[in-house]
Protein backbone atom coordinates (compact mmCIF):
# COMPACT_ATOMS: atom_id res chain seq x y z
CA MET A 1 -10.82 -19.26 16.76
CA ASP A 2 -14.25 -17.20 17.18
CA LYS A 3 -16.02 -15.46 14.52
CA THR A 4 -14.47 -11.84 15.76
CA GLN A 5 -10.87 -13.53 15.51
CA LYS A 6 -11.66 -15.03 12.33
CA SER A 7 -13.11 -11.63 10.78
CA SER A 8 -10.35 -9.59 11.94
CA LEU A 9 -7.68 -12.36 10.62
CA PHE A 10 -9.41 -11.97 7.03
CA LYS A 11 -9.32 -8.24 7.09
CA VAL A 12 -5.58 -8.62 7.59
CA ILE A 13 -5.29 -11.00 4.83
CA SER A 14 -7.24 -8.97 2.44
CA ALA A 15 -5.27 -5.86 3.10
CA SER A 16 -2.11 -7.46 2.91
CA SER A 17 -2.97 -9.34 -0.01
CA MET A 18 -4.31 -6.46 -2.04
CA GLY A 19 -1.12 -4.61 -1.70
CA THR A 20 0.92 -7.59 -2.68
CA LEU A 21 -1.43 -8.41 -5.73
CA ILE A 22 -0.93 -4.65 -7.09
CA GLU A 23 2.92 -4.99 -6.48
CA TRP A 24 2.89 -7.99 -8.66
CA TYR A 25 0.86 -6.58 -11.02
CA ASP A 26 3.02 -3.63 -11.31
CA PHE A 27 6.22 -6.08 -11.71
CA TYR A 28 4.45 -8.21 -14.24
CA ILE A 29 3.15 -5.64 -16.51
CA PHE A 30 6.66 -5.34 -18.04
CA GLY A 31 6.91 -9.24 -18.60
CA SER A 32 3.47 -9.28 -19.89
CA LEU A 33 4.09 -6.73 -22.47
CA ALA A 34 7.68 -7.74 -23.24
CA ILE A 35 7.43 -8.26 -26.99
CA VAL A 36 5.74 -4.68 -27.42
CA ILE A 37 8.26 -2.93 -25.15
CA SER A 38 11.28 -4.69 -27.16
CA THR A 39 10.08 -2.67 -30.07
CA LYS A 40 9.70 0.68 -28.14
CA PHE A 41 12.81 1.02 -25.99
CA PHE A 42 15.38 -0.88 -27.97
CA PRO A 43 16.73 -0.38 -31.47
CA SER A 44 14.64 -1.92 -34.23
CA ASP A 45 17.24 -3.27 -36.49
CA ASN A 46 17.56 -6.83 -34.78
CA PRO A 47 14.25 -7.93 -33.11
CA THR A 48 15.77 -11.13 -31.44
CA ALA A 49 18.56 -8.78 -29.79
CA ALA A 50 15.92 -6.47 -28.98
CA PHE A 51 13.78 -9.14 -27.20
CA LEU A 52 16.40 -10.54 -25.56
CA SER A 53 17.61 -7.23 -24.19
CA THR A 54 14.09 -6.54 -23.02
CA LEU A 55 14.13 -10.00 -21.17
CA ALA A 56 17.36 -9.04 -19.59
CA THR A 57 15.82 -5.70 -18.33
CA PHE A 58 13.05 -7.66 -17.15
CA ALA A 59 15.66 -10.06 -15.12
CA ALA A 60 17.49 -7.03 -13.72
CA GLY A 61 14.49 -6.55 -11.68
CA PHE A 62 14.76 -9.89 -10.08
CA VAL A 63 18.48 -9.75 -9.81
CA VAL A 64 18.35 -6.77 -7.33
CA ARG A 65 15.25 -8.30 -5.26
CA PRO A 66 17.60 -9.96 -2.53
CA PHE A 67 18.99 -6.46 -1.86
CA GLY A 68 15.68 -5.02 -1.40
CA ALA A 69 15.05 -7.98 0.93
CA LEU A 70 18.06 -7.23 2.92
CA PHE A 71 17.37 -3.34 3.14
CA PHE A 72 13.60 -3.45 3.69
CA GLY A 73 13.88 -6.61 5.77
CA ARG A 74 16.05 -5.00 8.06
CA LEU A 75 13.96 -2.12 8.51
CA GLY A 76 10.88 -4.33 9.06
CA ASP A 77 12.55 -6.03 11.83
CA LEU A 78 13.71 -2.99 13.51
CA ILE A 79 10.45 -0.58 13.12
CA GLY A 80 7.85 -2.97 12.08
CA ARG A 81 6.23 -4.77 9.32
CA LYS A 82 3.27 -2.54 8.49
CA TYR A 83 5.38 0.78 7.77
CA THR A 84 7.99 -1.11 5.63
CA PHE A 85 5.62 -2.72 3.31
CA MET A 86 3.54 0.91 3.03
CA ALA A 87 6.96 2.08 1.65
CA THR A 88 7.43 -0.63 -0.68
CA LEU A 89 3.93 -0.32 -2.07
CA LEU A 90 4.63 3.40 -2.95
CA LEU A 91 8.23 2.93 -4.40
CA MET A 92 6.69 0.10 -6.75
CA GLY A 93 3.77 2.01 -7.88
CA GLY A 94 5.47 5.35 -8.60
CA ALA A 95 8.44 3.38 -10.62
CA THR A 96 5.67 1.49 -12.59
CA PHE A 97 3.69 4.46 -13.49
CA LEU A 98 7.10 6.18 -14.59
CA ILE A 99 7.89 3.31 -16.91
CA GLY A 100 4.55 4.23 -18.75
CA CYS A 101 5.84 7.71 -19.23
CA VAL A 102 9.43 7.00 -20.80
CA PRO A 103 9.73 8.24 -24.19
CA SER A 104 10.51 5.63 -26.73
CA PHE A 105 14.16 4.79 -28.37
CA GLU A 106 13.08 6.77 -31.31
CA THR A 107 12.63 10.00 -29.34
CA ILE A 108 15.56 9.88 -26.82
CA GLY A 109 17.93 7.14 -28.12
CA TYR A 110 19.84 4.96 -25.38
CA ALA A 111 18.35 7.33 -22.68
CA ALA A 112 15.09 5.35 -23.10
CA PRO A 113 16.74 1.54 -22.11
CA ILE A 114 18.75 3.17 -19.30
CA LEU A 115 15.77 4.94 -17.79
CA VAL A 116 13.58 1.64 -18.07
CA LEU A 117 16.49 -0.34 -16.39
CA ILE A 118 16.69 2.07 -13.67
CA LEU A 119 13.02 1.97 -12.91
CA ARG A 120 12.78 -1.80 -13.14
CA LEU A 121 15.70 -2.09 -10.45
CA LEU A 122 13.60 0.29 -8.37
CA GLN A 123 10.64 -1.96 -8.59
CA GLY A 124 12.98 -5.01 -7.87
CA LEU A 125 13.80 -3.33 -4.60
CA ALA A 126 10.27 -2.61 -3.88
CA LEU A 127 9.12 -6.17 -4.39
CA GLY A 128 12.18 -7.52 -2.21
CA GLY A 129 10.68 -5.74 0.59
CA GLU A 130 7.13 -6.41 0.11
CA TYR A 131 6.69 -10.02 -0.23
CA GLY A 132 8.69 -10.92 3.23
CA GLY A 133 6.62 -8.23 5.08
CA ALA A 134 3.01 -9.21 3.91
CA ALA A 135 3.73 -13.07 4.55
CA THR A 136 5.49 -12.40 7.82
CA TYR A 137 2.46 -10.18 8.70
CA VAL A 138 -0.21 -12.49 8.33
CA ALA A 139 1.81 -15.55 9.37
CA GLU A 140 2.13 -13.57 12.85
CA HIS A 141 -1.64 -13.03 12.81
CA ALA A 142 -2.34 -16.50 11.99
CA PRO A 143 -2.80 -19.33 15.18
CA LYS A 144 -0.22 -21.91 14.90
CA GLY A 145 -1.45 -25.10 12.91
CA GLN A 146 -3.26 -23.07 10.43
CA ARG A 147 -0.36 -20.95 9.22
CA GLY A 148 -0.28 -22.93 5.72
CA TYR A 149 -3.88 -22.09 5.00
CA PHE A 150 -3.74 -18.38 6.05
CA THR A 151 -0.44 -17.65 4.27
CA SER A 152 -1.53 -19.56 1.22
CA TRP A 153 -3.73 -16.56 0.53
CA ILE A 154 -0.73 -14.31 0.09
CA GLN A 155 0.75 -16.72 -2.28
CA THR A 156 -2.15 -16.34 -4.70
CA THR A 157 -1.25 -12.73 -5.16
CA ALA A 158 1.57 -13.56 -7.43
CA THR A 159 -0.57 -15.45 -9.97
CA VAL A 160 -3.63 -13.10 -9.68
CA GLY A 161 -1.39 -10.29 -10.31
CA LEU A 162 -0.26 -12.00 -13.45
CA PHE A 163 -3.82 -12.80 -14.37
CA ILE A 164 -5.19 -9.12 -13.91
CA SER A 165 -2.03 -7.87 -15.87
CA LEU A 166 -3.06 -9.95 -18.79
CA MET A 167 -6.96 -9.17 -18.50
CA VAL A 168 -6.03 -5.22 -18.25
CA ILE A 169 -3.83 -5.79 -21.35
CA LEU A 170 -6.72 -7.70 -23.04
CA ILE A 171 -9.07 -5.10 -22.60
CA THR A 172 -7.14 -2.08 -23.49
CA LYS A 173 -6.28 -4.10 -26.48
CA ASN A 174 -10.00 -4.54 -27.58
CA VAL A 175 -11.08 -0.77 -26.50
CA LEU A 176 -8.20 0.59 -28.74
CA SER A 177 -7.35 -0.21 -32.36
CA ASP A 178 -4.03 -1.96 -33.41
CA SER A 179 -2.36 1.19 -34.52
CA GLN A 180 -3.64 3.23 -31.25
CA PHE A 181 -2.19 0.29 -29.04
CA ASP A 182 1.22 -0.04 -30.70
CA ALA A 183 1.53 3.82 -30.58
CA TRP A 184 0.72 4.62 -27.11
CA GLY A 185 -1.99 2.09 -25.73
CA TRP A 186 0.34 -0.27 -24.41
CA ARG A 187 1.28 2.39 -21.75
CA VAL A 188 -2.10 2.56 -20.24
CA PRO A 189 -1.51 -0.65 -17.97
CA PHE A 190 1.32 1.10 -16.32
CA TRP A 191 -0.67 4.24 -15.72
CA VAL A 192 -3.60 2.37 -14.29
CA SER A 193 -1.68 0.90 -11.66
CA ILE A 194 -1.09 4.07 -9.65
CA VAL A 195 -4.91 4.21 -8.91
CA MET A 196 -4.90 0.81 -7.62
CA VAL A 197 -1.85 1.59 -5.30
CA PHE A 198 -3.38 4.83 -3.88
CA VAL A 199 -6.51 2.52 -2.80
CA SER A 200 -4.24 -0.21 -1.35
CA TYR A 201 -2.31 2.61 0.54
CA MET A 202 -5.47 4.06 2.02
CA ILE A 203 -6.36 0.44 3.27
CA ARG A 204 -3.02 -0.44 4.59
CA LYS A 205 -2.64 2.83 6.46
CA LYS A 206 -5.43 1.70 8.91
CA MET A 207 -3.74 -1.61 9.68
CA HIS A 208 -1.95 -2.12 13.01
CA GLU A 209 1.35 -3.86 13.58
CA SER A 210 1.30 -7.63 13.76
CA PRO A 211 0.85 -8.94 17.31
CA GLU A 212 4.04 -11.08 17.63
CA PHE A 213 6.30 -8.15 16.53
CA ALA A 214 4.22 -5.68 18.87
CA LYS A 215 4.86 -8.21 21.80
CA ALA A 216 8.64 -8.78 21.09
CA LYS A 217 8.91 -4.80 20.64
CA ALA A 218 7.14 -4.47 24.07
CA GLU A 219 9.44 -6.73 25.78
CA GLY A 220 12.66 -5.37 24.42
CA ASN A 221 13.33 -8.60 22.32
CA ILE A 222 13.64 -7.15 18.97
CA SER A 223 16.89 -7.47 16.98
CA LYS A 224 19.48 -4.28 17.02
CA ASN A 225 21.09 -5.57 14.05
CA PRO A 226 19.16 -7.70 12.12
CA LEU A 227 21.66 -8.50 9.22
CA LYS A 228 24.26 -9.63 11.73
CA ASP A 229 21.88 -11.67 13.66
CA SER A 230 20.68 -13.42 10.28
CA PHE A 231 23.75 -13.84 8.56
CA GLY A 232 26.40 -13.55 11.09
CA ASN A 233 25.23 -16.25 13.20
CA LYS A 234 26.16 -19.59 11.72
CA TYR A 235 23.37 -21.18 13.32
CA ASN A 236 20.93 -19.01 11.56
CA LEU A 237 22.96 -18.94 8.40
CA LYS A 238 22.67 -22.59 7.97
CA PHE A 239 18.81 -22.36 8.01
CA VAL A 240 19.08 -19.34 5.35
CA LEU A 241 21.12 -21.60 3.12
CA LEU A 242 19.03 -24.36 3.56
CA ALA A 243 15.90 -22.72 2.89
CA LEU A 244 17.52 -21.27 -0.43
CA PHE A 245 19.06 -24.55 -1.80
CA GLY A 246 16.60 -26.94 -0.47
CA ALA A 247 13.35 -25.00 -1.26
CA THR A 248 13.16 -21.67 -2.84
CA MET A 249 15.69 -22.08 -5.77
CA GLY A 250 13.52 -24.85 -7.07
CA GLN A 251 10.26 -23.19 -6.18
CA GLY A 252 11.54 -20.29 -8.39
CA VAL A 253 12.31 -21.91 -11.47
CA ILE A 254 9.01 -23.87 -11.28
CA TRP A 255 7.12 -20.74 -10.84
CA TYR A 256 8.57 -18.94 -13.91
CA THR A 257 8.53 -22.14 -16.00
CA GLY A 258 4.73 -22.54 -15.41
CA GLN A 259 3.80 -18.98 -15.89
CA PHE A 260 6.35 -16.73 -17.69
CA TYR A 261 7.96 -19.26 -19.85
CA ALA A 262 5.09 -20.79 -20.74
CA MET A 263 3.85 -17.53 -21.98
CA SER A 264 6.93 -16.60 -23.62
CA PHE A 265 7.34 -20.06 -25.39
CA MET A 266 3.81 -19.84 -26.89
CA LYS A 267 4.25 -16.33 -28.31
CA THR A 268 7.81 -16.74 -29.64
CA VAL A 269 8.44 -20.50 -30.39
CA LEU A 270 4.86 -21.27 -31.16
CA ALA A 271 4.32 -17.94 -32.82
CA ILE A 272 0.46 -17.70 -31.53
CA ASP A 273 -1.09 -14.61 -31.57
CA SER A 274 -0.29 -12.59 -28.52
CA SER A 275 -4.00 -11.93 -27.54
CA GLN A 276 -4.89 -15.69 -27.79
CA VAL A 277 -1.93 -16.73 -25.54
CA ASP A 278 -3.00 -14.13 -23.06
CA THR A 279 -6.71 -15.58 -23.11
CA LEU A 280 -5.60 -19.16 -22.82
CA LEU A 281 -2.98 -18.44 -20.13
CA GLY A 282 -5.53 -16.45 -18.17
CA ILE A 283 -8.07 -19.31 -18.25
CA ALA A 284 -5.30 -21.77 -17.05
CA LEU A 285 -4.38 -19.42 -14.08
CA LEU A 286 -8.07 -19.01 -13.27
CA PHE A 287 -8.62 -22.71 -12.94
CA GLY A 288 -5.24 -23.04 -11.25
CA THR A 289 -5.08 -20.28 -8.43
CA PRO A 290 -7.59 -21.87 -5.78
CA PHE A 291 -5.19 -24.85 -5.48
CA PHE A 292 -2.70 -22.33 -3.70
CA VAL A 293 -5.30 -22.49 -0.77
CA VAL A 294 -5.65 -25.99 -1.39
CA PHE A 295 -2.06 -26.91 -1.04
CA GLY A 296 -1.47 -24.54 1.68
CA TRP A 297 -4.18 -25.97 3.94
CA LEU A 298 -3.08 -29.42 3.22
CA SER A 299 0.41 -28.56 4.37
CA ASP A 300 -0.82 -27.95 7.57
CA LYS A 301 -2.34 -31.41 7.75
CA ILE A 302 0.59 -33.55 6.45
CA GLY A 303 3.64 -30.98 6.45
CA ARG A 304 5.13 -28.61 3.90
CA LYS A 305 8.06 -30.54 2.85
CA SER A 306 5.99 -33.63 1.14
CA ILE A 307 3.97 -31.44 -0.97
CA MET A 308 6.80 -28.92 -2.31
CA MET A 309 9.14 -31.87 -2.90
CA PHE A 310 6.40 -33.90 -4.76
CA GLY A 311 5.61 -30.93 -6.84
CA MET A 312 9.13 -30.39 -7.79
CA LEU A 313 9.47 -34.20 -8.77
CA LEU A 314 6.49 -33.81 -11.07
CA ALA A 315 7.91 -30.94 -12.70
CA ILE A 316 11.33 -32.49 -13.29
CA LEU A 317 9.71 -35.27 -14.86
CA LEU A 318 6.88 -33.94 -16.78
CA TYR A 319 8.31 -30.68 -18.25
CA CYS A 320 9.82 -32.01 -21.55
CA PRO A 321 6.84 -34.39 -22.37
CA ILE A 322 4.41 -31.15 -21.71
CA TYR A 323 6.47 -28.95 -23.83
CA LYS A 324 6.85 -31.38 -26.69
CA THR A 325 2.93 -31.98 -26.43
CA MET A 326 2.54 -28.16 -26.64
CA TYR A 327 4.99 -27.85 -29.74
CA GLU A 328 3.34 -30.74 -31.72
CA THR A 329 -0.33 -29.49 -30.83
CA VAL A 330 0.32 -26.38 -32.93
CA ASN A 331 2.74 -27.69 -35.51
CA VAL A 332 1.18 -27.27 -38.83
CA ALA A 333 3.19 -29.98 -40.61
CA HIS A 334 0.64 -32.42 -39.77
CA LYS A 335 -2.39 -30.27 -40.50
CA GLU A 336 -4.03 -30.20 -43.82
CA LEU A 337 -3.70 -27.07 -45.81
CA VAL A 338 -7.05 -25.78 -47.18
CA SER A 339 -6.04 -22.49 -48.80
CA LYS A 340 -3.03 -20.22 -49.06
CA LYS A 341 -2.90 -16.57 -50.59
CA LEU A 342 -0.16 -14.34 -51.13
CA ILE A 343 -0.27 -10.49 -51.03
CA THR A 344 2.52 -7.92 -51.69
CA GLU A 345 2.49 -4.86 -49.43
CA GLY A 346 5.27 -2.49 -50.00
CA ASN A 347 8.75 -4.76 -49.35
CA ASN A 348 6.69 -7.32 -47.42
CA VAL A 349 5.17 -10.40 -48.93
CA ILE A 350 2.36 -11.64 -47.00
CA THR A 351 1.32 -15.31 -46.86
CA TYR A 352 -2.16 -16.32 -45.52
CA LYS A 353 -2.72 -20.05 -44.93
CA VAL A 354 -5.79 -21.68 -43.53
CA TYR A 355 -5.92 -25.46 -42.45
CA ALA A 356 -8.64 -27.98 -42.21
CA ASP A 357 -9.01 -27.67 -38.25
CA LYS A 358 -9.51 -23.74 -38.81
CA THR A 359 -6.03 -22.77 -37.62
CA GLU A 360 -4.56 -19.75 -39.50
CA VAL A 361 -1.16 -18.78 -40.14
CA LYS A 362 0.05 -15.36 -41.22
CA GLU A 363 3.64 -15.11 -42.75
CA VAL A 364 5.22 -11.56 -43.41
CA GLN A 365 8.54 -12.06 -45.33
CA ASN A 366 10.69 -8.58 -45.68
CA GLN A 367 12.10 -8.76 -49.24
CA THR A 368 14.84 -6.34 -47.87
CA ASP A 369 16.19 -8.41 -45.02
CA LEU A 370 14.53 -11.75 -45.97
CA THR A 371 13.30 -12.01 -42.36
CA ILE A 372 9.97 -13.78 -41.67
CA LYS A 373 7.49 -12.93 -39.16
CA THR A 374 4.89 -15.69 -38.18
CA GLN A 375 1.67 -15.10 -36.44
CA MET A 376 -0.52 -18.14 -35.67
CA THR A 377 -4.30 -18.02 -34.58
CA ILE A 378 -5.00 -21.58 -33.55
CA SER A 379 -8.24 -23.80 -33.48
CA ASN A 380 -10.56 -24.25 -30.52
CA SER A 381 -9.24 -27.92 -29.84
CA ASP A 382 -5.68 -26.98 -29.74
CA ARG A 383 -6.46 -23.75 -27.54
CA TRP A 384 -7.86 -25.77 -24.85
CA MET A 385 -5.15 -28.49 -25.24
CA LEU A 386 -2.80 -25.94 -24.59
CA VAL A 387 -5.00 -24.48 -21.53
CA PHE A 388 -4.94 -27.88 -20.14
CA LEU A 389 -1.10 -28.45 -20.70
CA VAL A 390 -0.59 -24.67 -18.94
CA PHE A 391 -2.83 -25.73 -16.16
CA ILE A 392 -0.89 -28.92 -15.27
CA GLN A 393 2.17 -26.60 -14.98
CA VAL A 394 0.31 -24.22 -12.68
CA ILE A 395 -0.56 -27.02 -10.52
CA PHE A 396 3.14 -27.67 -9.92
CA VAL A 397 3.63 -24.01 -9.24
CA THR A 398 0.75 -23.98 -6.54
CA MET A 399 2.44 -27.24 -4.91
CA VAL A 400 5.79 -25.71 -4.50
CA TYR A 401 4.48 -22.20 -3.72
CA GLY A 402 1.40 -22.53 -1.74
CA PRO A 403 2.96 -23.82 1.51
CA ILE A 404 6.22 -21.92 1.34
CA ALA A 405 5.39 -18.98 2.98
CA ALA A 406 4.51 -20.71 6.31
CA PHE A 407 7.54 -22.80 5.87
CA LEU A 408 9.95 -19.96 5.58
CA VAL A 409 8.10 -18.23 8.51
CA GLU A 410 8.53 -21.21 10.66
CA MET A 411 12.48 -21.46 10.06
CA PHE A 412 12.99 -18.15 11.50
CA PRO A 413 12.51 -16.53 14.90
CA THR A 414 10.38 -13.33 15.28
CA LYS A 415 13.30 -10.79 15.80
CA ILE A 416 15.06 -11.64 12.45
CA ARG A 417 12.20 -13.40 10.61
CA TYR A 418 11.42 -10.58 8.03
CA THR A 419 15.29 -10.37 7.30
CA SER A 420 15.93 -13.95 7.23
CA MET A 421 13.15 -15.19 5.23
CA SER A 422 13.05 -12.39 2.85
CA LEU A 423 16.77 -13.05 1.57
CA PRO A 424 16.65 -16.69 0.45
CA TYR A 425 13.16 -16.15 -0.95
CA HIS A 426 14.29 -13.46 -3.37
CA VAL A 427 17.55 -15.23 -4.37
CA GLY A 428 15.34 -18.27 -5.18
CA ASN A 429 12.69 -16.45 -6.80
CA GLY A 430 14.42 -13.31 -7.95
CA ILE A 431 17.92 -14.66 -9.47
CA PHE A 432 17.17 -18.35 -10.22
CA GLY A 433 13.78 -17.70 -11.06
CA GLY A 434 13.95 -14.46 -12.66
CA LEU A 435 16.77 -15.14 -14.88
CA LEU A 436 15.02 -18.21 -16.40
CA PRO A 437 12.83 -16.30 -19.11
CA ALA A 438 16.25 -14.79 -20.77
CA ILE A 439 18.49 -17.76 -20.02
CA SER A 440 15.98 -20.26 -21.50
CA THR A 441 15.20 -18.19 -24.47
CA TYR A 442 18.93 -17.89 -25.16
CA PHE A 443 19.12 -21.64 -25.23
CA VAL A 444 16.13 -22.18 -27.43
CA THR A 445 17.56 -19.26 -30.09
CA ASN A 446 20.74 -20.74 -29.99
CA ALA A 447 19.59 -24.55 -30.69
CA LYS A 448 17.43 -23.29 -33.38
CA THR A 449 20.30 -21.19 -34.79
CA ASN A 450 22.69 -24.58 -34.82
CA GLY A 451 19.68 -26.52 -36.38
CA ASN A 452 19.08 -28.82 -33.54
CA PRO A 453 15.39 -30.33 -34.47
CA GLU A 454 14.25 -30.30 -30.97
CA TYR A 455 15.36 -26.68 -30.50
CA TYR A 456 12.03 -25.81 -28.56
CA LEU A 457 13.11 -28.24 -25.61
CA GLU A 458 16.59 -26.79 -24.84
CA GLY A 459 15.22 -24.04 -22.65
CA LEU A 460 13.84 -26.46 -20.37
CA TRP A 461 17.37 -27.73 -19.25
CA TYR A 462 17.84 -24.77 -17.03
CA PRO A 463 14.73 -25.35 -14.62
CA ILE A 464 15.05 -29.04 -14.70
CA ILE A 465 18.67 -28.95 -13.25
CA ILE A 466 17.94 -26.42 -10.80
CA ALA A 467 14.97 -28.06 -9.55
CA SER A 468 16.81 -31.43 -9.52
CA VAL A 469 19.69 -30.07 -7.56
CA CYS A 470 16.93 -28.53 -5.05
CA PHE A 471 15.08 -31.73 -4.69
CA VAL A 472 17.93 -33.63 -3.58
CA ILE A 473 19.16 -31.18 -1.08
CA GLY A 474 15.65 -30.77 0.27
CA MET A 475 14.78 -34.44 0.49
CA ILE A 476 18.07 -34.86 2.26
CA TYR A 477 18.32 -32.02 4.75
CA LEU A 478 14.77 -30.38 4.97
CA SER A 479 12.95 -31.51 8.19
CA TRP A 480 9.72 -33.58 7.74
CA LYS A 481 8.13 -31.65 10.58
CA ASN A 482 5.05 -29.42 10.13
CA GLU A 483 6.69 -26.41 11.73
CA THR A 484 10.53 -26.18 11.76
CA THR A 485 10.93 -22.99 13.62
CA ASN A 486 14.22 -22.29 15.68
CA ASP A 487 12.49 -19.51 17.70
């Protein structure tokens, strides 16, 4: 590949990645602010139920992603990749901006969560069409033998989008007072997205159609009915199901465990201060993100399957030890208490505790309903230990996610590629992965209510079982070849 071709290819990657990054940012702002949102759009009389309802609304956006994959995938295979993922970008940006405009539950009652749910569904539909288009578009520009490397840049966008969402939230919190952020500042990250969407749209507007699709269209070799050709054809359907149950299902749960469940676990189970969690998660993501490209490049050399399966196996074996270490790292039971102070404010009794390693704990007990809210500010040594433990989980994510775009692209022929690869990807990530935060949080809450001393590990059974099933199917049925295309 000469310098001109390489420069042109990186322009394609940059334009595709920027739009996809912004869509992931839009999608994950909601998850990053789940705790705050639960107090704004749901009844406040039961905080646990409100949080679970918020996670369920968050998950709803994932559940409809396969429908977006079918709708926009079909359009992408009929009219082209470029125009389809320009439409998804605008739909995502508009829905995200409007979530920031929805009045609170106190203002409009149950209309608030209904409106937010509708907008989350629109986000899910948009993202269902975006990823497959961007991955296909880049892969169809990349030379064979280097698809893993070039498509891995698209893979970084999901994590970078989450990272940017955390950074925007942290900056907004630092600029505003706590009361301002709680009153209206939490809406700012939603509003900011509209500017980024406009810039990305202007960049994508100048892009050309992918050469492979343009050639197929010129030769009259495009599908007239992509849905029928993708899922009505038994031979192709076999590959769709294999992609789902042998790869994307496990990849989806590992992605959401290593990033979103880790964040939720630290904020809710460990009760660490929200800003501190965002910071340490951001550091772990910053260090881990380059490995998407590393493993994408490596998959061109040694094959996709070996890297993805090894990443799944490591996650299956190490999740419980990692989360047990996370819990024990911040557990104050074994820390030396230095000072304790009680203050009464209205109906609340506030207890401030300081430990020898400079960990600080604030407990607020409401004397009316006797509920206790805990907020912990951990020491520097504990913080870096958690960064390391989350970083390990991000490495698992990069191993299974880095090569998967090239893997999926190579499984399906050009004329139905957008449709065929989008569905298993978004079922694996949207349903199996997207439901993880709500399911795992429910398991943890239920186990804690029933007095299980290791309740904090119960949420891991869902990703471990799903990833284990996927690992077995993938090891038996996936090809070891570098390229498995049936084109």
